[in-house]
């Protein structure tokens, strides 16, 4: 729901309700963060459940900026029909950015599980793709945090305004409204270089030798 709750329904009846908003408030308090937030819209986004995906082992739900919560069926006899939160998965900082923490505040818009149920993939509102193996998400003690990794590499998160191809090397250069210039190796499918600037770049050119 929009206020951080998920509801388990069975045969049209509500069987269980879990409030993630309380969990996140508790985490903020432990970190010494202020309970108040002057931006109401940001608070709503922080509490909103934006994506959910299930597997045979449990399910993952995106709630809070850059966070996915992993639930598994309880093993205790008295709670065998319910699920418990065992892991939090976060988007890592982008080391290609001047402010790596900005990537951690992306909103996750979609979640999916691979057909063999080995990998969870997340898409964000900044046009980025992340992945984590379910085995990794399950490792460690209950309540610990795991981190996604890029599915391939970080991409531009706004409109690409310029592009050029090197004549003698397998390189492509792009610039974007996100204030970054990126150099790509199209043979290795790899991001070679990323540089951010204070202003937008509207065109770009590569020297013939790269």
Protein backbone atom coordinates (compact mmCIF):
# COMPACT_ATOMS: atom_id res chain seq x y z
CA UNK A 1 0.00 0.00 0.00
CA UNK A 2 0.93 3.67 -0.12
CA UNK A 3 1.62 3.78 3.61
CA UNK A 4 4.06 0.89 3.87
CA UNK A 5 1.70 -2.03 4.52
CA UNK A 6 1.36 -5.33 2.72
CA UNK A 7 -1.61 -7.62 3.17
CA UNK A 8 -1.76 -11.41 2.75
CA UNK A 9 -5.08 -12.52 1.26
CA UNK A 10 -6.35 -16.10 1.02
CA UNK A 11 -9.63 -17.05 -0.69
CA UNK A 12 -10.67 -13.40 -0.61
CA UNK A 13 -10.10 -13.04 3.13
CA UNK A 14 -7.43 -10.98 4.84
CA UNK A 15 -5.13 -13.37 6.66
CA UNK A 16 -2.22 -11.18 7.75
CA UNK A 17 -1.03 -7.58 7.65
CA UNK A 18 2.54 -6.30 8.05
CA UNK A 19 3.52 -2.66 8.53
CA UNK A 20 6.93 -1.85 7.04
CA UNK A 21 6.58 1.80 8.01
CA UNK A 22 7.17 0.88 11.66
CA UNK A 23 10.29 -1.09 10.73
CA UNK A 24 11.75 1.85 8.79
CA UNK A 25 10.96 4.32 11.59
CA UNK A 26 12.74 2.03 14.01
CA UNK A 27 15.78 1.89 11.70
CA UNK A 28 15.89 5.68 11.48
CA UNK A 29 15.70 6.01 15.26
CA UNK A 30 18.58 3.56 15.72
CA UNK A 31 20.67 5.57 13.26
CA UNK A 32 19.96 8.75 15.22
CA UNK A 33 18.00 10.32 12.37
CA UNK A 34 15.30 12.89 12.99
CA UNK A 35 11.72 11.63 13.00
CA UNK A 36 10.58 14.82 11.31
CA UNK A 37 10.75 15.48 7.59
CA UNK A 38 9.86 18.87 6.22
CA UNK A 39 9.11 17.47 2.78
CA UNK A 40 5.78 15.63 2.95
CA UNK A 41 6.06 14.29 -0.59
CA UNK A 42 9.43 12.73 0.14
CA UNK A 43 8.00 11.14 3.28
CA UNK A 44 5.18 9.58 1.27
CA UNK A 45 7.68 8.12 -1.21
CA UNK A 46 9.77 6.76 1.68
CA UNK A 47 6.77 4.86 3.03
CA UNK A 48 5.27 3.69 -0.25
CA UNK A 49 5.41 0.05 -1.36
CA UNK A 50 6.22 0.37 -5.07
CA UNK A 51 6.92 -3.21 -6.26
CA UNK A 52 6.50 -6.81 -5.14
CA UNK A 53 7.59 -10.18 -6.55
CA UNK A 54 7.17 -13.72 -5.20
CA UNK A 55 9.17 -16.93 -5.49
CA UNK A 56 8.85 -20.41 -4.01
CA UNK A 57 11.22 -19.37 -1.20
CA UNK A 58 9.47 -16.15 -0.22
CA UNK A 59 8.85 -12.72 -1.66
CA UNK A 60 10.55 -9.35 -2.05
CA UNK A 61 8.85 -5.99 -1.63
CA UNK A 62 10.27 -2.54 -2.43
CA UNK A 63 9.43 -0.03 0.28
CA UNK A 64 11.49 3.05 1.06
CA UNK A 65 13.98 4.75 -1.23
CA UNK A 66 16.55 2.26 -2.52
CA UNK A 67 15.34 -0.58 -0.27
CA UNK A 68 13.90 -4.04 -0.82
CA UNK A 69 12.68 -6.22 2.05
CA UNK A 70 12.95 -10.01 1.76
CA UNK A 71 10.31 -12.15 3.50
CA UNK A 72 10.29 -15.89 4.11
CA UNK A 73 7.63 -18.18 5.53
CA UNK A 74 7.96 -18.53 9.28
CA UNK A 75 9.29 -21.90 10.46
CA UNK A 76 7.81 -21.75 13.95
CA UNK A 77 4.77 -23.99 14.33
CA UNK A 78 2.54 -21.30 15.76
CA UNK A 79 3.41 -18.93 12.89
CA UNK A 80 3.67 -21.45 10.04
CA UNK A 81 1.06 -19.63 7.93
CA UNK A 82 2.79 -16.24 8.17
CA UNK A 83 5.87 -14.58 6.79
CA UNK A 84 8.72 -12.83 8.57
CA UNK A 85 11.14 -10.16 7.35
CA UNK A 86 14.62 -11.67 7.29
CA UNK A 87 16.67 -9.32 5.15
CA UNK A 88 16.95 -5.79 3.82
CA UNK A 89 18.55 -5.29 0.39
CA UNK A 90 19.79 -1.83 -0.55
CA UNK A 91 21.00 -0.06 -3.68
CA UNK A 92 24.73 0.68 -3.28
CA UNK A 93 26.42 4.03 -3.80
CA UNK A 94 27.51 4.81 -7.36
CA UNK A 95 31.28 5.22 -7.36
CA UNK A 96 31.11 6.86 -10.80
CA UNK A 97 29.15 9.76 -9.33
CA UNK A 98 30.48 12.88 -7.61
CA UNK A 99 27.98 12.10 -4.82
CA UNK A 100 27.79 8.29 -4.52
CA UNK A 101 24.99 8.46 -1.95
CA UNK A 102 22.53 9.94 -4.48
CA UNK A 103 22.04 6.54 -6.13
CA UNK A 104 20.96 5.08 -2.79
CA UNK A 105 17.85 7.31 -2.85
CA UNK A 106 16.38 5.94 -6.08
CA UNK A 107 12.82 4.67 -6.06
CA UNK A 108 12.54 1.04 -7.12
CA UNK A 109 9.69 0.79 -9.63
CA UNK A 110 9.82 -2.88 -10.72
CA UNK A 111 11.03 -6.21 -9.34
CA UNK A 112 11.28 -9.55 -11.10
CA UNK A 113 12.69 -13.02 -10.39
CA UNK A 114 14.57 -15.11 -12.97
CA UNK A 115 12.83 -18.32 -14.18
CA UNK A 116 15.26 -20.49 -12.18
CA UNK A 117 14.56 -18.33 -9.10
CA UNK A 118 18.25 -17.59 -8.55
CA UNK A 119 18.27 -13.84 -9.19
CA UNK A 120 16.18 -10.80 -8.31
CA UNK A 121 16.38 -7.85 -10.72
CA UNK A 122 15.25 -4.34 -9.80
CA UNK A 123 14.53 -1.35 -12.05
CA UNK A 124 14.52 2.22 -10.70
CA UNK A 125 13.05 5.60 -11.56
CA UNK A 126 16.56 6.71 -12.63
CA UNK A 127 16.70 4.15 -15.49
CA UNK A 128 19.11 1.86 -13.63
CA UNK A 129 19.08 -1.95 -13.36
CA UNK A 130 20.36 -3.91 -10.36
CA UNK A 131 20.59 -7.59 -9.46
CA UNK A 132 21.23 -9.85 -6.48
CA UNK A 133 21.25 -13.62 -6.15
CA UNK A 134 18.54 -14.93 -3.84
CA UNK A 135 21.14 -17.11 -2.12
CA UNK A 136 23.09 -13.97 -1.22
CA UNK A 137 19.94 -12.30 0.07
CA UNK A 138 19.32 -15.30 2.33
CA UNK A 139 22.84 -15.45 3.80
CA UNK A 140 23.73 -13.99 7.16
CA UNK A 141 21.77 -13.31 10.28
CA UNK A 142 18.17 -12.18 10.27
CA UNK A 143 17.90 -8.41 9.97
CA UNK A 144 21.28 -7.87 8.33
CA UNK A 145 21.63 -5.85 5.14
CA UNK A 146 22.71 -6.99 1.67
CA UNK A 147 23.44 -4.85 -1.39
CA UNK A 148 22.44 -5.03 -5.03
CA UNK A 149 25.03 -4.79 -7.77
CA UNK A 150 24.65 -3.31 -11.25
CA UNK A 151 23.18 -5.72 -13.77
CA UNK A 152 25.74 -4.45 -16.29
CA UNK A 153 26.90 -0.89 -15.45
CA UNK A 154 25.42 2.46 -14.50
CA UNK A 155 23.56 4.33 -17.25
CA UNK A 156 22.59 7.92 -17.93
CA UNK A 157 19.46 8.80 -15.96
CA UNK A 158 18.27 11.64 -18.18
CA UNK A 159 18.04 12.42 -21.91
CA UNK A 160 21.19 11.73 -23.95
CA UNK A 161 22.02 14.94 -25.82
CA UNK A 162 25.12 13.95 -27.78
CA UNK A 163 26.94 10.89 -29.13
CA UNK A 164 30.10 10.23 -31.11
CA UNK A 165 31.99 7.10 -32.24
CA UNK A 166 35.78 6.75 -32.35
CA UNK A 167 37.20 5.78 -35.75
CA UNK A 168 40.22 3.76 -34.59
CA UNK A 169 39.05 2.33 -31.27
CA UNK A 170 35.83 0.57 -30.20
CA UNK A 171 34.69 3.56 -28.17
CA UNK A 172 31.48 5.56 -27.98
CA UNK A 173 31.14 8.84 -26.09
CA UNK A 174 27.80 10.12 -24.79
CA UNK A 175 26.68 13.20 -22.89
CA UNK A 176 23.40 13.81 -21.12
CA UNK A 177 21.17 16.22 -19.26
CA UNK A 178 22.29 14.42 -16.09
CA UNK A 179 25.54 16.47 -16.34
CA UNK A 180 27.68 13.41 -17.08
CA UNK A 181 29.90 12.35 -19.97
CA UNK A 182 30.50 8.63 -20.43
CA UNK A 183 32.91 6.61 -22.55
CA UNK A 184 31.76 3.11 -23.53
CA UNK A 185 33.66 0.15 -25.03
CA UNK A 186 31.10 -1.39 -27.39
CA UNK A 187 33.15 -4.58 -27.93
CA UNK A 188 33.37 -5.37 -24.21
CA UNK A 189 29.96 -3.81 -23.43
CA UNK A 190 31.66 -1.91 -20.63
CA UNK A 191 31.60 1.61 -19.21
CA UNK A 192 35.20 2.81 -19.45
CA UNK A 193 34.89 6.28 -17.93
CA UNK A 194 32.30 8.53 -16.33
CA UNK A 195 32.82 12.21 -15.54
CA UNK A 196 30.28 14.61 -14.03
CA UNK A 197 30.24 18.37 -14.60
CA UNK A 198 28.47 21.31 -13.01
CA UNK A 199 26.62 22.11 -16.27
CA UNK A 200 24.87 20.11 -18.96
CA UNK A 201 26.74 19.07 -22.10
CA UNK A 202 24.73 19.30 -25.33
CA UNK A 203 27.24 17.84 -27.81
CA UNK A 204 30.39 15.73 -27.75
CA UNK A 205 33.17 14.69 -30.17
CA UNK A 206 35.90 12.06 -29.98
CA UNK A 207 39.36 12.41 -31.47
CA UNK A 208 39.88 9.79 -34.26
CA UNK A 209 42.50 8.04 -32.07
CA UNK A 210 40.25 8.06 -29.00
